[in-house]
Protein backbone atom coordinates (compact mmCIF):
# COMPACT_ATOMS: atom_id res chain seq x y z
CA MET A 1 82.77 26.39 15.61
CA GLU A 2 79.33 25.33 15.00
CA GLU A 3 76.56 27.05 16.96
CA ILE A 4 74.21 24.49 18.63
CA VAL A 5 70.78 25.99 19.94
CA LEU A 6 67.75 24.30 21.99
CA GLY A 7 64.47 25.53 21.48
CA PHE A 8 61.31 24.94 23.58
CA ASP A 9 57.70 25.26 22.67
CA PHE A 10 56.23 25.92 26.35
CA GLY A 11 53.03 24.21 27.65
CA VAL A 12 51.96 22.93 31.14
CA LYS A 13 51.64 19.56 29.87
CA ASN A 14 53.91 19.22 27.08
CA ILE A 15 57.27 20.82 26.11
CA GLY A 16 58.37 20.74 22.52
CA LEU A 17 62.20 20.41 22.27
CA ALA A 18 64.07 20.70 18.96
CA VAL A 19 67.74 21.28 18.30
CA GLY A 20 69.17 23.68 15.45
CA ASN A 21 72.69 24.99 14.58
CA ARG A 22 74.04 28.05 13.13
CA LEU A 23 75.81 26.35 10.34
CA THR A 24 72.89 25.18 8.38
CA ASN A 25 70.24 27.75 9.90
CA THR A 26 67.85 24.50 10.05
CA ALA A 27 66.07 22.68 13.34
CA GLN A 28 64.46 19.49 13.81
CA PRO A 29 62.27 18.19 16.42
CA ILE A 30 63.67 15.93 18.54
CA ALA A 31 61.15 15.83 22.04
CA ILE A 32 57.97 16.02 23.95
CA LEU A 33 58.76 16.54 27.94
CA LYS A 34 55.98 16.11 29.41
CA ALA A 35 55.24 18.49 32.30
CA ASN A 36 53.12 19.05 35.32
CA GLU A 37 51.88 22.05 35.67
CA GLY A 38 54.58 23.68 33.38
CA GLN A 39 57.17 21.83 35.38
CA PRO A 40 59.19 18.94 33.20
CA ASP A 41 61.48 16.20 34.53
CA TRP A 42 64.53 18.59 35.11
CA ASP A 43 66.75 15.33 34.95
CA GLU A 44 65.37 14.60 31.35
CA MET A 45 65.82 18.04 30.69
CA GLU A 46 69.46 17.98 31.52
CA ARG A 47 70.17 14.38 29.83
CA HIS A 48 68.94 16.60 26.86
CA ILE A 49 71.74 19.57 27.39
CA LYS A 50 74.24 17.09 28.15
CA GLU A 51 73.54 15.20 25.17
CA TRP A 52 73.41 18.34 22.31
CA THR A 53 75.59 20.98 24.43
CA PRO A 54 73.97 24.12 23.02
CA THR A 55 75.49 27.24 23.65
CA LEU A 56 72.12 28.99 23.90
CA LEU A 57 68.37 28.38 24.56
CA VAL A 58 65.49 29.85 22.88
CA VAL A 59 61.91 29.79 24.18
CA GLY A 60 58.88 30.63 22.30
CA MET A 61 56.86 33.22 23.44
CA PRO A 62 53.03 34.07 22.29
CA TYR A 63 52.78 37.81 21.88
CA THR A 64 49.65 39.74 21.64
CA ALA A 65 48.66 41.74 18.96
CA ASP A 66 48.11 44.42 21.51
CA GLY A 67 50.85 44.10 23.91
CA THR A 68 48.89 42.61 26.88
CA GLU A 69 51.17 40.29 29.22
CA THR A 70 48.74 37.14 29.60
CA GLU A 71 49.41 34.64 32.07
CA HIS A 72 50.62 32.08 29.97
CA MET A 73 53.63 34.20 29.23
CA ARG A 74 54.31 34.89 32.81
CA LYS A 75 54.64 31.16 33.10
CA ILE A 76 56.79 30.84 30.16
CA ARG A 77 59.38 33.54 31.89
CA LYS A 78 59.48 31.91 34.95
CA PHE A 79 60.33 28.41 33.03
CA MET A 80 63.08 30.83 31.10
CA ASN A 81 64.35 31.60 34.24
CA ARG A 82 64.36 28.10 35.64
CA LEU A 83 66.53 27.15 32.35
CA HIS A 84 69.05 30.05 33.11
CA GLY A 85 69.32 29.24 36.63
CA ARG A 86 69.84 25.39 36.40
CA PHE A 87 71.75 25.37 33.22
CA GLY A 88 73.97 28.77 33.31
CA LEU A 89 73.10 29.17 29.49
CA PRO A 90 71.80 32.38 27.89
CA VAL A 91 68.35 32.04 27.47
CA GLU A 92 66.41 34.49 24.51
CA GLU A 93 62.67 34.48 23.56
CA VAL A 94 61.40 34.12 19.96
CA ASP A 95 58.06 35.52 19.17
CA GLU A 96 56.10 32.06 18.27
CA ARG A 97 52.86 33.54 17.05
CA LEU A 98 51.25 31.07 14.72
CA SER A 99 54.11 28.49 15.03
CA SER A 100 51.62 25.87 16.27
CA LYS A 101 49.47 26.28 12.79
CA GLU A 102 52.51 26.15 10.81
CA SER A 103 53.88 23.18 12.19
CA GLU A 104 50.72 21.18 11.13
CA GLN A 105 51.64 20.89 7.88
CA TYR A 106 54.46 18.60 9.31
CA ILE A 107 52.44 16.12 10.73
CA LYS A 108 50.75 13.29 9.41
CA PRO A 109 47.08 13.51 8.83
CA SER A 110 46.69 10.33 11.21
CA LYS A 111 48.56 12.30 14.31
CA LYS A 112 46.86 15.71 13.78
CA GLY A 113 44.80 15.46 16.68
CA LYS A 114 48.05 14.56 18.81
CA LYS A 115 48.66 17.84 20.27
CA GLY A 116 52.23 16.71 21.51
CA GLN A 117 53.06 15.96 18.09
CA LEU A 118 52.95 19.83 16.95
CA ASP A 119 54.80 21.03 20.02
CA ALA A 120 58.00 19.26 19.20
CA HIS A 121 57.54 20.74 15.59
CA SER A 122 56.34 24.20 16.98
CA ALA A 123 59.99 24.09 18.82
CA ALA A 124 61.60 23.70 15.54
CA ILE A 125 60.25 26.74 14.29
CA ILE A 126 60.74 28.64 16.88
CA VAL A 127 64.45 27.71 16.52
CA GLU A 128 64.68 28.31 12.97
CA ARG A 129 63.08 31.56 13.42
CA TYR A 130 65.88 32.32 15.81
CA LEU A 131 68.88 30.99 13.44
CA ASN A 132 67.46 33.46 10.82
CA ASP A 133 67.14 36.23 13.00
CA ASP A 134 63.45 36.68 12.59
CA LEU A 135 61.11 38.22 15.23
CA ILE A 136 63.92 38.17 18.18
CA PHE A 137 63.62 39.64 21.58
CA SER A 138 66.46 39.30 24.31
CA LEU A 139 65.91 39.16 28.20
């Protein structure tokens, strides 16, 4: 059976969403979810989960070089706990360092100033890192 993975690049204003699968080990950006202080429209989130029927959710975690726990990391973990609580799916964190910088190469020059565009592409990079077993940390 094909393993479908939904990935998230969490932000307090935008949450990038991407889908990938274990068959091809590739991912594609699918949406930019608006968030209010990190809270997405949970009904919209549920629609995406029902549409894609993932077996796993992955969320990017911006680890620091010195291992310091940041406030943003605490918000991401809270988001991860809510995802798991609402949808009952396993949630894993993936090291997302430099994913935003890497995603810039996929954005047209006319769209580079639009932060939301990067979020969905960053989510795709996060999913591909998971699918390629690169820098994965389980809860």
